[in-house]
């Protein structure tokens, strides 16, 4: 009976860890999606294009 209790405790711990990892992954994914929608350029900052570096010809 003691082995079964250890098994159930370990199983509950693994399920708790999996839920925490799943939640953390979902939070990161939602943060990336929100950053894309808001026009934020992510953690790297604003990305400049080649066109913005040169003055337009007359």
PDB file of N, CA and C in Angstrom:
ATOM      1  N   UNK A   1       0.825  -1.191   0.000  1.00  0.00           N
ATOM      2  CA  UNK A   1       0.000   0.000   0.000  1.00  0.00           C
ATOM      3  C   UNK A   1       0.870   1.255   0.000  1.00  0.00           C
ATOM      4  N   UNK A   2       2.002   1.181   0.683  1.00  0.00           N
ATOM      5  CA  UNK A   2       2.889   2.335   0.764  1.00  0.00           C
ATOM      6  C   UNK A   2       3.438   2.716  -0.618  1.00  0.00           C
ATOM      7  N   UNK A   3       3.783   1.724  -1.425  1.00  0.00           N
ATOM      8  CA  UNK A   3       4.285   1.988  -2.776  1.00  0.00           C
ATOM      9  C   UNK A   3       3.232   2.692  -3.623  1.00  0.00           C
ATOM     10  N   UNK A   4       1.994   2.307  -3.457  1.00  0.00           N
ATOM     11  CA  UNK A   4       0.910   2.920  -4.219  1.00  0.00           C
ATOM     12  C   UNK A   4       0.761   4.390  -3.837  1.00  0.00           C
ATOM     13  N   UNK A   5       0.894   4.711  -2.562  1.00  0.00           N
ATOM     14  CA  UNK A   5       0.793   6.097  -2.114  1.00  0.00           C
ATOM     15  C   UNK A   5       1.943   6.941  -2.665  1.00  0.00           C
ATOM     16  N   UNK A   6       3.134   6.371  -2.701  1.00  0.00           N
ATOM     17  CA  UNK A   6       4.277   7.071  -3.292  1.00  0.00           C
ATOM     18  C   UNK A   6       4.027   7.298  -4.782  1.00  0.00           C
ATOM     19  N   UNK A   7       3.520   6.279  -5.463  1.00  0.00           N
ATOM     20  CA  UNK A   7       3.214   6.390  -6.878  1.00  0.00           C
ATOM     21  C   UNK A   7       2.196   7.498  -7.137  1.00  0.00           C
ATOM     22  N   UNK A   8       1.119   7.537  -6.355  1.00  0.00           N
ATOM     23  CA  UNK A   8       0.077   8.547  -6.551  1.00  0.00           C
ATOM     24  C   UNK A   8       0.612   9.949  -6.241  1.00  0.00           C
ATOM     25  N   UNK A   9       1.476  10.064  -5.241  1.00  0.00           N
ATOM     26  CA  UNK A   9       2.077  11.358  -4.921  1.00  0.00           C
ATOM     27  C   UNK A   9       2.974  11.833  -6.058  1.00  0.00           C
ATOM     28  N   UNK A  10       3.773  10.928  -6.596  1.00  0.00           N
ATOM     29  CA  UNK A  10       4.657  11.259  -7.712  1.00  0.00           C
ATOM     30  C   UNK A  10       3.844  11.616  -8.955  1.00  0.00           C
ATOM     31  N   UNK A  11       2.787  10.893  -9.195  1.00  0.00           N
ATOM     32  CA  UNK A  11       1.919  11.165 -10.337  1.00  0.00           C
ATOM     33  C   UNK A  11       1.279  12.550 -10.207  1.00  0.00           C
ATOM     34  N   UNK A  12       0.813  12.887  -9.017  1.00  0.00           N
ATOM     35  CA  UNK A  12       0.213  14.200  -8.795  1.00  0.00           C
ATOM     36  C   UNK A  12       1.241  15.306  -8.993  1.00  0.00           C
ATOM     37  N   UNK A  13       2.480  15.067  -8.566  1.00  0.00           N
ATOM     38  CA  UNK A  13       3.542  16.050  -8.745  1.00  0.00           C
ATOM     39  C   UNK A  13       3.844  16.253 -10.227  1.00  0.00           C
ATOM     40  N   UNK A  14       3.908  15.171 -10.979  1.00  0.00           N
ATOM     41  CA  UNK A  14       4.166  15.290 -12.418  1.00  0.00           C
ATOM     42  C   UNK A  14       3.042  16.025 -13.128  1.00  0.00           C
ATOM     43  N   UNK A  15       1.808  15.744 -12.758  1.00  0.00           N
ATOM     44  CA  UNK A  15       0.669  16.451 -13.361  1.00  0.00           C
ATOM     45  C   UNK A  15       0.705  17.938 -13.024  1.00  0.00           C
ATOM     46  N   UNK A  16       1.076  18.276 -11.809  1.00  0.00           N
ATOM     47  CA  UNK A  16       1.170  19.672 -11.391  1.00  0.00           C
ATOM     48  C   UNK A  16       2.258  20.394 -12.192  1.00  0.00           C
ATOM     49  N   UNK A  17       3.400  19.739 -12.372  1.00  0.00           N
ATOM     50  CA  UNK A  17       4.483  20.339 -13.171  1.00  0.00           C
ATOM     51  C   UNK A  17       4.062  20.539 -14.623  1.00  0.00           C
ATOM     52  N   UNK A  18       3.386  19.547 -15.180  1.00  0.00           N
ATOM     53  CA  UNK A  18       2.939  19.654 -16.579  1.00  0.00           C
ATOM     54  C   UNK A  18       1.962  20.808 -16.735  1.00  0.00           C
ATOM     55  N   UNK A  19       1.069  20.979 -15.776  1.00  0.00           N
ATOM     56  CA  UNK A  19       0.125  22.093 -15.844  1.00  0.00           C
ATOM     57  C   UNK A  19       0.844  23.433 -15.766  1.00  0.00           C
ATOM     58  N   UNK A  20       1.853  23.534 -14.906  1.00  0.00           N
ATOM     59  CA  UNK A  20       2.610  24.776 -14.792  1.00  0.00           C
ATOM     60  C   UNK A  20       3.354  25.093 -16.089  1.00  0.00           C
ATOM     61  N   UNK A  21       3.967  24.089 -16.684  1.00  0.00           N
ATOM     62  CA  UNK A  21       4.685  24.310 -17.942  1.00  0.00           C
ATOM     63  C   UNK A  21       3.732  24.687 -19.063  1.00  0.00           C
ATOM     64  N   UNK A  22       2.585  24.042 -19.112  1.00  0.00           N
ATOM     65  CA  UNK A  22       1.581  24.357 -20.124  1.00  0.00           C
ATOM     66  C   UNK A  22       1.091  25.794 -19.969  1.00  0.00           C
ATOM     67  N   UNK A  23       0.850  26.212 -18.734  1.00  0.00           N
ATOM     68  CA  UNK A  23       0.393  27.572 -18.479  1.00  0.00           C
ATOM     69  C   UNK A  23       1.468  28.586 -18.859  1.00  0.00           C
ATOM     70  N   UNK A  24       2.723  28.312 -18.519  1.00  0.00           N
ATOM     71  CA  UNK A  24       3.811  29.223 -18.874  1.00  0.00           C
ATOM     72  C   UNK A  24       3.963  29.340 -20.387  1.00  0.00           C
ATOM     73  N   UNK A  25       3.847  28.228 -21.092  1.00  0.00           N
ATOM     74  CA  UNK A  25       3.930  28.246 -22.549  1.00  0.00           C
ATOM     75  C   UNK A  25       2.789  29.063 -23.152  1.00  0.00           C
ATOM     76  N   UNK A  26       1.597  28.921 -22.589  1.00  0.00           N
ATOM     77  CA  UNK A  26       0.438  29.664 -23.083  1.00  0.00           C
ATOM     78  C   UNK A  26       0.609  31.162 -22.829  1.00  0.00           C
ATOM     79  N   UNK A  27       1.155  31.538 -21.691  1.00  0.00           N
ATOM     80  CA  UNK A  27       1.374  32.950 -21.381  1.00  0.00           C
ATOM     81  C   UNK A  27       2.378  33.549 -22.356  1.00  0.00           C
ATOM     82  N   UNK A  28       3.477  32.825 -22.638  1.00  0.00           N
ATOM     83  CA  UNK A  28       4.459  33.325 -23.605  1.00  0.00           C
ATOM     84  C   UNK A  28       3.842  33.479 -24.985  1.00  0.00           C
ATOM     85  N   UNK A  29       3.040  32.495 -25.401  1.00  0.00           N
ATOM     86  CA  UNK A  29       2.409  32.554 -26.720  1.00  0.00           C
ATOM     87  C   UNK A  29       1.441  33.728 -26.803  1.00  0.00           C
ATOM     88  N   UNK A  30       0.643  33.934 -25.762  1.00  0.00           N
ATOM     89  CA  UNK A  30      -0.308  35.044 -25.759  1.00  0.00           C
ATOM     90  C   UNK A  30       0.402  36.391 -25.760  1.00  0.00           C
ATOM     91  N   UNK A  31       1.530  36.479 -25.070  1.00  0.00           N
ATOM     92  CA  UNK A  31       2.295  37.726 -25.050  1.00  0.00           C
ATOM     93  C   UNK A  31       2.851  38.031 -26.438  1.00  0.00           C
ATOM     94  N   UNK A  32       3.331  37.000 -27.136  1.00  0.00           N
ATOM     95  CA  UNK A  32       3.825  37.222 -28.504  1.00  0.00           C
ATOM     96  C   UNK A  32       2.701  37.678 -29.421  1.00  0.00           C
ATOM     97  N   UNK A  33       1.548  37.038 -29.294  1.00  0.00           N
ATOM     98  CA  UNK A  33       0.411  37.434 -30.133  1.00  0.00           C
ATOM     99  C   UNK A  33      -0.018  38.859 -29.846  1.00  0.00           C
ATOM    100  N   UNK A  34      -0.062  39.244 -28.585  1.00  0.00           N
ATOM    101  CA  UNK A  34      -0.450  40.604 -28.222  1.00  0.00           C
ATOM    102  C   UNK A  34       0.569  41.603 -28.755  1.00  0.00           C
ATOM    103  N   UNK A  35       1.843  41.245 -28.711  1.00  0.00           N
ATOM    104  CA  UNK A  35       2.881  42.125 -29.245  1.00  0.00           C
ATOM    105  C   UNK A  35       2.745  42.328 -30.734  1.00  0.00           C
ATOM    106  N   UNK A  36       2.383  41.289 -31.440  1.00  0.00           N
ATOM    107  CA  UNK A  36       2.200  41.410 -32.893  1.00  0.00           C
ATOM    108  C   UNK A  36       0.999  42.283 -33.220  1.00  0.00           C
ATOM    109  N   UNK A  37      -0.082  42.111 -32.480  1.00  0.00           N
ATOM    110  CA  UNK A  37      -1.298  42.876 -32.752  1.00  0.00           C
ATOM    111  C   UNK A  37      -1.139  44.347 -32.429  1.00  0.00           C
ATOM    112  N   UNK A  38      -0.389  44.677 -31.384  1.00  0.00           N
ATOM    113  CA  UNK A  38      -0.286  46.059 -30.946  1.00  0.00           C
ATOM    114  C   UNK A  38       0.722  46.859 -31.774  1.00  0.00           C
ATOM    115  N   UNK A  39       1.394  46.231 -32.679  1.00  0.00           N
ATOM    116  CA  UNK A  39       2.391  46.923 -33.477  1.00  0.00           C
ATOM    117  C   UNK A  39       3.752  46.944 -32.813  1.00  0.00           C
ATOM    118  N   UNK A  40       3.850  46.343 -31.639  1.00  0.00           N
ATOM    119  CA  UNK A  40       5.139  46.246 -30.962  1.00  0.00           C
ATOM    120  C   UNK A  40       6.019  45.311 -31.787  1.00  0.00           C
ATOM    121  N   UNK A  41       7.277  45.645 -31.890  1.00  0.00           N
ATOM    122  CA  UNK A  41       8.166  44.847 -32.731  1.00  0.00           C
ATOM    123  C   UNK A  41       8.874  43.752 -31.971  1.00  0.00           C
ATOM    124  N   UNK A  42       8.343  43.358 -30.847  1.00  0.00           N
ATOM    125  CA  UNK A  42       8.893  42.235 -30.106  1.00  0.00           C
ATOM    126  C   UNK A  42      10.054  42.633 -29.230  1.00  0.00           C
ATOM    127  N   UNK A  43      10.706  41.667 -28.659  1.00  0.00           N
ATOM    128  CA  UNK A  43      11.785  41.951 -27.719  1.00  0.00           C
ATOM    129  C   UNK A  43      13.032  42.528 -28.378  1.00  0.00           C
ATOM    130  N   UNK A  44      13.175  42.385 -29.680  1.00  0.00           N
ATOM    131  CA  UNK A  44      14.378  42.873 -30.358  1.00  0.00           C
ATOM    132  C   UNK A  44      14.299  44.362 -30.658  1.00  0.00           C
ATOM    133  N   UNK A  45      13.117  44.952 -30.582  1.00  0.00           N
ATOM    134  CA  UNK A  45      12.972  46.366 -30.903  1.00  0.00           C
ATOM    135  C   UNK A  45      12.528  46.555 -32.338  1.00  0.00           C
ATOM    136  N   UNK A  46      12.529  47.811 -32.753  1.00  0.00           N
ATOM    137  CA  UNK A  46      12.040  48.128 -34.088  1.00  0.00           C
ATOM    138  C   UNK A  46      13.029  47.666 -35.154  1.00  0.00           C
ATOM    139  N   UNK A  47      12.498  47.131 -36.213  1.00  0.00           N
ATOM    140  CA  UNK A  47      13.317  46.662 -37.319  1.00  0.00           C
ATOM    141  C   UNK A  47      13.217  47.697 -38.434  1.00  0.00           C
ATOM    142  N   UNK A  48      14.354  48.174 -38.915  1.00  0.00           N
ATOM    143  CA  UNK A  48      14.333  49.165 -39.986  1.00  0.00           C
ATOM    144  C   UNK A  48      14.478  48.449 -41.322  1.00  0.00           C
ATOM    145  N   UNK A  49      13.785  48.965 -42.288  1.00  0.00           N
ATOM    146  CA  UNK A  49      13.882  48.369 -43.618  1.00  0.00           C
ATOM    147  C   UNK A  49      14.949  49.118 -44.427  1.00  0.00           C
ATOM    148  N   UNK A  50      15.312  48.554 -45.547  1.00  0.00           N
ATOM    149  CA  UNK A  50      16.321  49.167 -46.417  1.00  0.00           C
ATOM    150  C   UNK A  50      15.801  50.486 -46.956  1.00  0.00           C
ATOM    151  N   UNK A  51      14.513  50.565 -47.257  1.00  0.00           N
ATOM    152  CA  UNK A  51      13.939  51.784 -47.829  1.00  0.00           C
ATOM    153  C   UNK A  51      14.003  52.971 -46.871  1.00  0.00           C
ATOM    154  N   UNK A  52      13.918  52.733 -45.583  1.00  0.00           N
ATOM    155  CA  UNK A  52      13.891  53.856 -44.642  1.00  0.00           C
ATOM    156  C   UNK A  52      15.278  54.464 -44.418  1.00  0.00           C
ATOM    157  N   UNK A  53      16.318  53.818 -44.901  1.00  0.00           N
ATOM    158  CA  UNK A  53      17.668  54.335 -44.677  1.00  0.00           C
ATOM    159  C   UNK A  53      18.116  55.327 -45.734  1.00  0.00           C
ATOM    160  N   UNK A  54      17.469  55.377 -46.863  1.00  0.00           N
ATOM    161  CA  UNK A  54      17.906  56.228 -47.954  1.00  0.00           C
ATOM    162  C   UNK A  54      16.868  57.300 -48.247  1.00  0.00           C
ATOM    163  N   UNK A  55      17.339  58.449 -48.689  1.00  0.00           N
ATOM    164  CA  UNK A  55      16.463  59.554 -49.057  1.00  0.00           C
ATOM    165  C   UNK A  55      15.912  59.290 -50.443  1.00  0.00           C
ATOM    166  N   UNK A  56      14.645  59.637 -50.628  1.00  0.00           N
ATOM    167  CA  UNK A  56      14.018  59.426 -51.924  1.00  0.00           C
ATOM    168  C   UNK A  56      14.596  60.407 -52.956  1.00  0.00           C
ATOM    169  N   UNK A  57      14.829  59.926 -54.149  1.00  0.00           N
ATOM    170  CA  UNK A  57      15.373  60.764 -55.230  1.00  0.00           C
ATOM    171  C   UNK A  57      14.306  61.716 -55.719  1.00  0.00           C
ATOM    172  N   UNK A  58      14.754  62.896 -56.171  1.00  0.00           N
ATOM    173  CA  UNK A  58      13.818  63.908 -56.640  1.00  0.00           C
ATOM    174  C   UNK A  58      13.269  63.621 -58.005  1.00  0.00           C
TER     175      UNK A  58
END
